[in-house]
């Protein structure tokens, strides 16, 4: 990896990532300076990980946006998440012996990604136990996240499905919560397994209630605490 390819922003994202919490600058410099740690670029629309084409690495997004989709047995696809700079992926597969990856990762905007391969991760964990603790904590959080996803699949009704998807895919920037849809409304309806007309009605209803605001393919969440009023 060329050191000149890293910007101050890149270094800040690495230092703020879950993997290096509780470690020092010297340790982080050694990790990203290791020749096994590489940075690769992906063009918009390029598949990064797929069912049978992936690596046992943890990837840290430095630039761009990556969409995570799942492919149910009955066909179609389901939008799981949208990853932004600072997000990590691949933790569940880094030390797994399965031959297939569970989702497809696609660059929906030109992306730069830093990869930490399995053997480097093992060395880092041996040298600094905080890395192992951070890794375990991250996997525990992912289990909770996936349980919430399962709960969303069990929800009845287009409105509730949309609300659950918005909450679980929200990102934060400049003090605002938003979801970058990244696909057409027809595609989103297919991902959520609801009718397109029902999706439009649900979005319009949330707009009338003042809970969301659409801006192109970005949806701003204005009152996240009110998306599930029946749970209060």
Protein backbone atom coordinates (compact mmCIF):
# COMPACT_ATOMS: atom_id res chain seq x y z
CA UNK A 1 0.00 0.00 0.00
CA UNK A 2 1.35 3.38 -0.96
CA UNK A 3 1.54 5.68 2.05
CA UNK A 4 1.04 8.70 -0.22
CA UNK A 5 -2.39 7.38 -1.17
CA UNK A 6 -3.69 8.02 2.34
CA UNK A 7 -5.08 11.43 3.26
CA UNK A 8 -5.51 12.91 6.72
CA UNK A 9 -9.19 12.07 6.44
CA UNK A 10 -8.33 8.43 5.64
CA UNK A 11 -6.11 8.22 8.70
CA UNK A 12 -8.82 9.76 10.87
CA UNK A 13 -11.36 7.18 9.66
CA UNK A 14 -8.97 4.35 10.49
CA UNK A 15 -8.26 5.75 13.94
CA UNK A 16 -11.99 6.18 14.65
CA UNK A 17 -12.98 2.69 13.46
CA UNK A 18 -14.15 0.15 16.01
CA UNK A 19 -11.18 -2.12 15.30
CA UNK A 20 -8.59 0.25 16.79
CA UNK A 21 -10.44 1.63 19.80
CA UNK A 22 -8.18 1.60 22.84
CA UNK A 23 -4.98 1.31 20.80
CA UNK A 24 -2.36 3.98 20.20
CA UNK A 25 -1.19 5.90 17.14
CA UNK A 26 2.02 3.87 16.94
CA UNK A 27 0.06 0.61 16.83
CA UNK A 28 -2.31 1.95 14.15
CA UNK A 29 0.59 3.23 12.05
CA UNK A 30 2.15 -0.21 12.20
CA UNK A 31 -1.10 -1.89 11.17
CA UNK A 32 -1.76 0.26 8.10
CA UNK A 33 1.92 0.29 7.22
CA UNK A 34 2.00 -3.51 7.05
CA UNK A 35 2.35 -4.63 3.39
CA UNK A 36 -0.60 -6.99 3.85
CA UNK A 37 -2.90 -3.98 4.39
CA UNK A 38 -3.96 -2.62 0.98
CA UNK A 39 -6.24 0.09 -0.41
CA UNK A 40 -8.25 -0.63 -3.55
CA UNK A 41 -10.60 1.48 -5.69
CA UNK A 42 -13.97 0.37 -7.09
CA UNK A 43 -16.05 2.07 -9.76
CA UNK A 44 -19.76 2.81 -9.41
CA UNK A 45 -21.71 -0.39 -10.11
CA UNK A 46 -18.73 -2.68 -9.49
CA UNK A 47 -19.35 -5.72 -7.28
CA UNK A 48 -16.94 -5.85 -4.34
CA UNK A 49 -18.06 -9.07 -2.65
CA UNK A 50 -20.40 -11.68 -4.08
CA UNK A 51 -21.70 -15.12 -3.21
CA UNK A 52 -18.59 -16.99 -4.36
CA UNK A 53 -16.20 -14.14 -4.99
CA UNK A 54 -14.96 -12.56 -1.78
CA UNK A 55 -11.94 -12.43 0.49
CA UNK A 56 -11.49 -13.21 4.18
CA UNK A 57 -10.69 -9.60 5.02
CA UNK A 58 -12.27 -6.80 6.97
CA UNK A 59 -12.91 -3.86 4.67
CA UNK A 60 -12.98 -0.23 5.84
CA UNK A 61 -14.68 2.23 3.48
CA UNK A 62 -12.59 5.39 3.01
CA UNK A 63 -14.64 6.99 0.22
CA UNK A 64 -17.87 6.32 -1.62
CA UNK A 65 -20.95 4.31 -0.74
CA UNK A 66 -21.57 0.55 -0.77
CA UNK A 67 -24.93 -1.18 -0.94
CA UNK A 68 -25.47 -4.51 0.83
CA UNK A 69 -28.14 -6.76 -0.69
CA UNK A 70 -29.43 -10.22 0.19
CA UNK A 71 -30.87 -12.71 -2.28
CA UNK A 72 -33.79 -14.77 -0.91
CA UNK A 73 -34.28 -18.35 -2.22
CA UNK A 74 -37.47 -17.32 -4.05
CA UNK A 75 -35.62 -14.78 -6.17
CA UNK A 76 -35.39 -10.99 -6.19
CA UNK A 77 -33.19 -9.13 -3.73
CA UNK A 78 -33.51 -7.39 -0.41
CA UNK A 79 -31.66 -4.22 0.57
CA UNK A 80 -29.92 -4.89 3.88
CA UNK A 81 -27.87 -1.75 4.40
CA UNK A 82 -25.97 1.11 2.79
CA UNK A 83 -22.40 1.59 4.00
CA UNK A 84 -20.68 4.97 4.05
CA UNK A 85 -17.11 6.16 4.80
CA UNK A 86 -16.04 4.81 8.17
CA UNK A 87 -18.20 1.68 7.86
CA UNK A 88 -16.64 -1.77 8.02
CA UNK A 89 -17.71 -5.05 6.46
CA UNK A 90 -16.55 -8.65 6.28
CA UNK A 91 -16.09 -9.20 10.01
CA UNK A 92 -18.39 -12.23 10.07
CA UNK A 93 -16.54 -13.88 7.18
CA UNK A 94 -12.93 -13.09 8.13
CA UNK A 95 -12.56 -16.19 10.29
CA UNK A 96 -15.34 -18.31 8.79
CA UNK A 97 -14.71 -21.51 6.82
CA UNK A 98 -17.87 -21.27 4.69
CA UNK A 99 -17.24 -21.09 0.95
CA UNK A 100 -20.06 -18.66 0.22
CA UNK A 101 -20.56 -15.08 1.32
CA UNK A 102 -24.00 -14.21 2.66
CA UNK A 103 -24.62 -10.94 0.77
CA UNK A 104 -23.57 -8.95 -2.29
CA UNK A 105 -21.66 -5.70 -1.84
CA UNK A 106 -21.88 -3.23 -4.70
CA UNK A 107 -20.31 0.21 -5.04
CA UNK A 108 -23.19 2.63 -5.68
CA UNK A 109 -20.67 5.47 -5.78
CA UNK A 110 -16.97 5.30 -6.65
CA UNK A 111 -15.33 3.82 -3.57
CA UNK A 112 -11.91 3.38 -1.95
CA UNK A 113 -11.60 0.58 0.58
CA UNK A 114 -8.82 -0.45 2.97
CA UNK A 115 -8.55 -4.23 3.49
CA UNK A 116 -7.18 -6.00 6.57
CA UNK A 117 -6.68 -9.71 5.69
CA UNK A 118 -7.23 -12.56 8.15
CA UNK A 119 -3.56 -13.24 8.87
CA UNK A 120 -2.90 -9.56 9.61
CA UNK A 121 -5.96 -9.43 11.89
CA UNK A 122 -4.68 -12.46 13.80
CA UNK A 123 -1.30 -10.79 14.31
CA UNK A 124 -2.93 -7.56 15.47
CA UNK A 125 -5.10 -9.43 17.99
CA UNK A 126 -2.08 -11.25 19.38
CA UNK A 127 -0.13 -8.02 19.78
CA UNK A 128 -2.99 -5.98 21.22
CA UNK A 129 -5.88 -7.69 23.06
CA UNK A 130 -8.05 -4.57 22.64
CA UNK A 131 -8.36 -5.45 18.94
CA UNK A 132 -9.80 -8.87 19.83
CA UNK A 133 -12.23 -7.28 22.30
CA UNK A 134 -13.32 -4.74 19.70
CA UNK A 135 -13.89 -7.49 17.16
CA UNK A 136 -16.04 -9.52 19.56
CA UNK A 137 -18.03 -6.44 20.54
CA UNK A 138 -18.66 -5.60 16.88
CA UNK A 139 -19.94 -9.12 16.14
CA UNK A 140 -22.24 -8.93 19.16
CA UNK A 141 -23.69 -5.66 17.85
CA UNK A 142 -24.20 -7.25 14.43
CA UNK A 143 -26.19 -10.08 15.99
CA UNK A 144 -28.54 -7.54 17.52
CA UNK A 145 -28.76 -5.69 14.20
CA UNK A 146 -29.67 -8.86 12.31
CA UNK A 147 -32.27 -9.77 14.91
CA UNK A 148 -33.87 -6.39 14.26
CA UNK A 149 -33.81 -7.14 10.54
CA UNK A 150 -35.60 -10.42 11.14
CA UNK A 151 -38.17 -8.55 13.18
CA UNK A 152 -38.71 -6.24 10.22
CA UNK A 153 -39.45 -9.18 7.93
CA UNK A 154 -42.15 -10.33 10.33
CA UNK A 155 -43.91 -6.97 10.32
CA UNK A 156 -47.25 -6.89 8.52
CA UNK A 157 -48.22 -3.94 6.34
CA UNK A 158 -46.39 -1.73 3.87
CA UNK A 159 -46.29 1.26 6.24
CA UNK A 160 -44.68 -0.67 9.09
CA UNK A 161 -42.21 -2.33 6.72
CA UNK A 162 -41.14 1.04 5.32
CA UNK A 163 -40.79 2.57 8.78
CA UNK A 164 -38.63 -0.32 9.96
CA UNK A 165 -36.43 -0.11 6.85
CA UNK A 166 -35.91 3.62 7.29
CA UNK A 167 -34.88 3.27 10.93
CA UNK A 168 -32.44 0.43 10.25
CA UNK A 169 -30.80 2.03 7.21
CA UNK A 170 -30.47 5.60 8.48
CA UNK A 171 -27.12 7.37 8.32
CA UNK A 172 -26.17 10.62 10.02
CA UNK A 173 -24.49 13.62 8.48
CA UNK A 174 -24.38 17.32 9.38
CA UNK A 175 -26.70 16.66 12.29
CA UNK A 176 -29.41 15.06 10.12
CA UNK A 177 -30.68 11.51 9.77
CA UNK A 178 -31.23 10.29 6.23
CA UNK A 179 -31.42 7.24 3.99
CA UNK A 180 -29.92 7.23 0.51
CA UNK A 181 -32.29 4.95 -1.38
CA UNK A 182 -29.88 4.39 -4.25
CA UNK A 183 -32.48 2.59 -6.41
CA UNK A 184 -35.79 3.37 -8.08
CA UNK A 185 -39.04 3.18 -6.12
CA UNK A 186 -39.96 0.06 -8.11
CA UNK A 187 -36.71 -1.60 -7.08
CA UNK A 188 -37.18 -0.55 -3.46
CA UNK A 189 -40.69 -1.97 -3.45
CA UNK A 190 -39.27 -5.27 -4.68
CA UNK A 191 -36.58 -5.25 -2.01
CA UNK A 192 -39.16 -4.65 0.69
CA UNK A 193 -41.53 -7.20 -0.84
CA UNK A 194 -44.43 -4.74 -1.02
CA UNK A 195 -46.41 -3.28 -3.93
CA UNK A 196 -45.14 -0.13 -5.60
CA UNK A 197 -48.46 1.65 -5.10
CA UNK A 198 -48.42 0.69 -1.41
CA UNK A 199 -44.89 2.02 -1.09
CA UNK A 200 -45.83 5.38 -2.61
CA UNK A 201 -48.88 5.65 -0.35
CA UNK A 202 -46.77 4.86 2.72
CA UNK A 203 -44.14 7.46 1.80
CA UNK A 204 -46.80 10.10 1.16
CA UNK A 205 -48.45 9.29 4.50
CA UNK A 206 -45.17 9.74 6.38
CA UNK A 207 -44.59 13.04 4.57
CA UNK A 208 -48.06 14.29 5.52
CA UNK A 209 -47.33 13.39 9.14
CA UNK A 210 -44.11 15.40 8.97
CA UNK A 211 -41.95 12.38 9.80
CA UNK A 212 -39.87 12.34 6.61
CA UNK A 213 -38.93 14.60 3.70
CA UNK A 214 -37.89 13.43 0.25
CA UNK A 215 -35.08 15.08 -1.70
CA UNK A 216 -34.46 13.12 -4.89
CA UNK A 217 -33.38 9.64 -3.86
CA UNK A 218 -32.53 10.76 -0.34
CA UNK A 219 -35.14 10.55 2.42
CA UNK A 220 -34.57 12.69 5.50
CA UNK A 221 -35.96 11.32 8.76
CA UNK A 222 -37.31 14.31 10.64
CA UNK A 223 -38.81 12.60 13.69
CA UNK A 224 -37.23 9.15 14.16
CA UNK A 225 -38.72 8.80 17.64
CA UNK A 226 -42.21 8.99 16.11
CA UNK A 227 -41.79 6.39 13.38
CA UNK A 228 -43.13 3.73 15.73
CA UNK A 229 -45.59 5.64 17.95
CA UNK A 230 -47.38 2.44 18.91
CA UNK A 231 -44.24 1.34 20.79
CA UNK A 232 -44.06 4.36 23.07
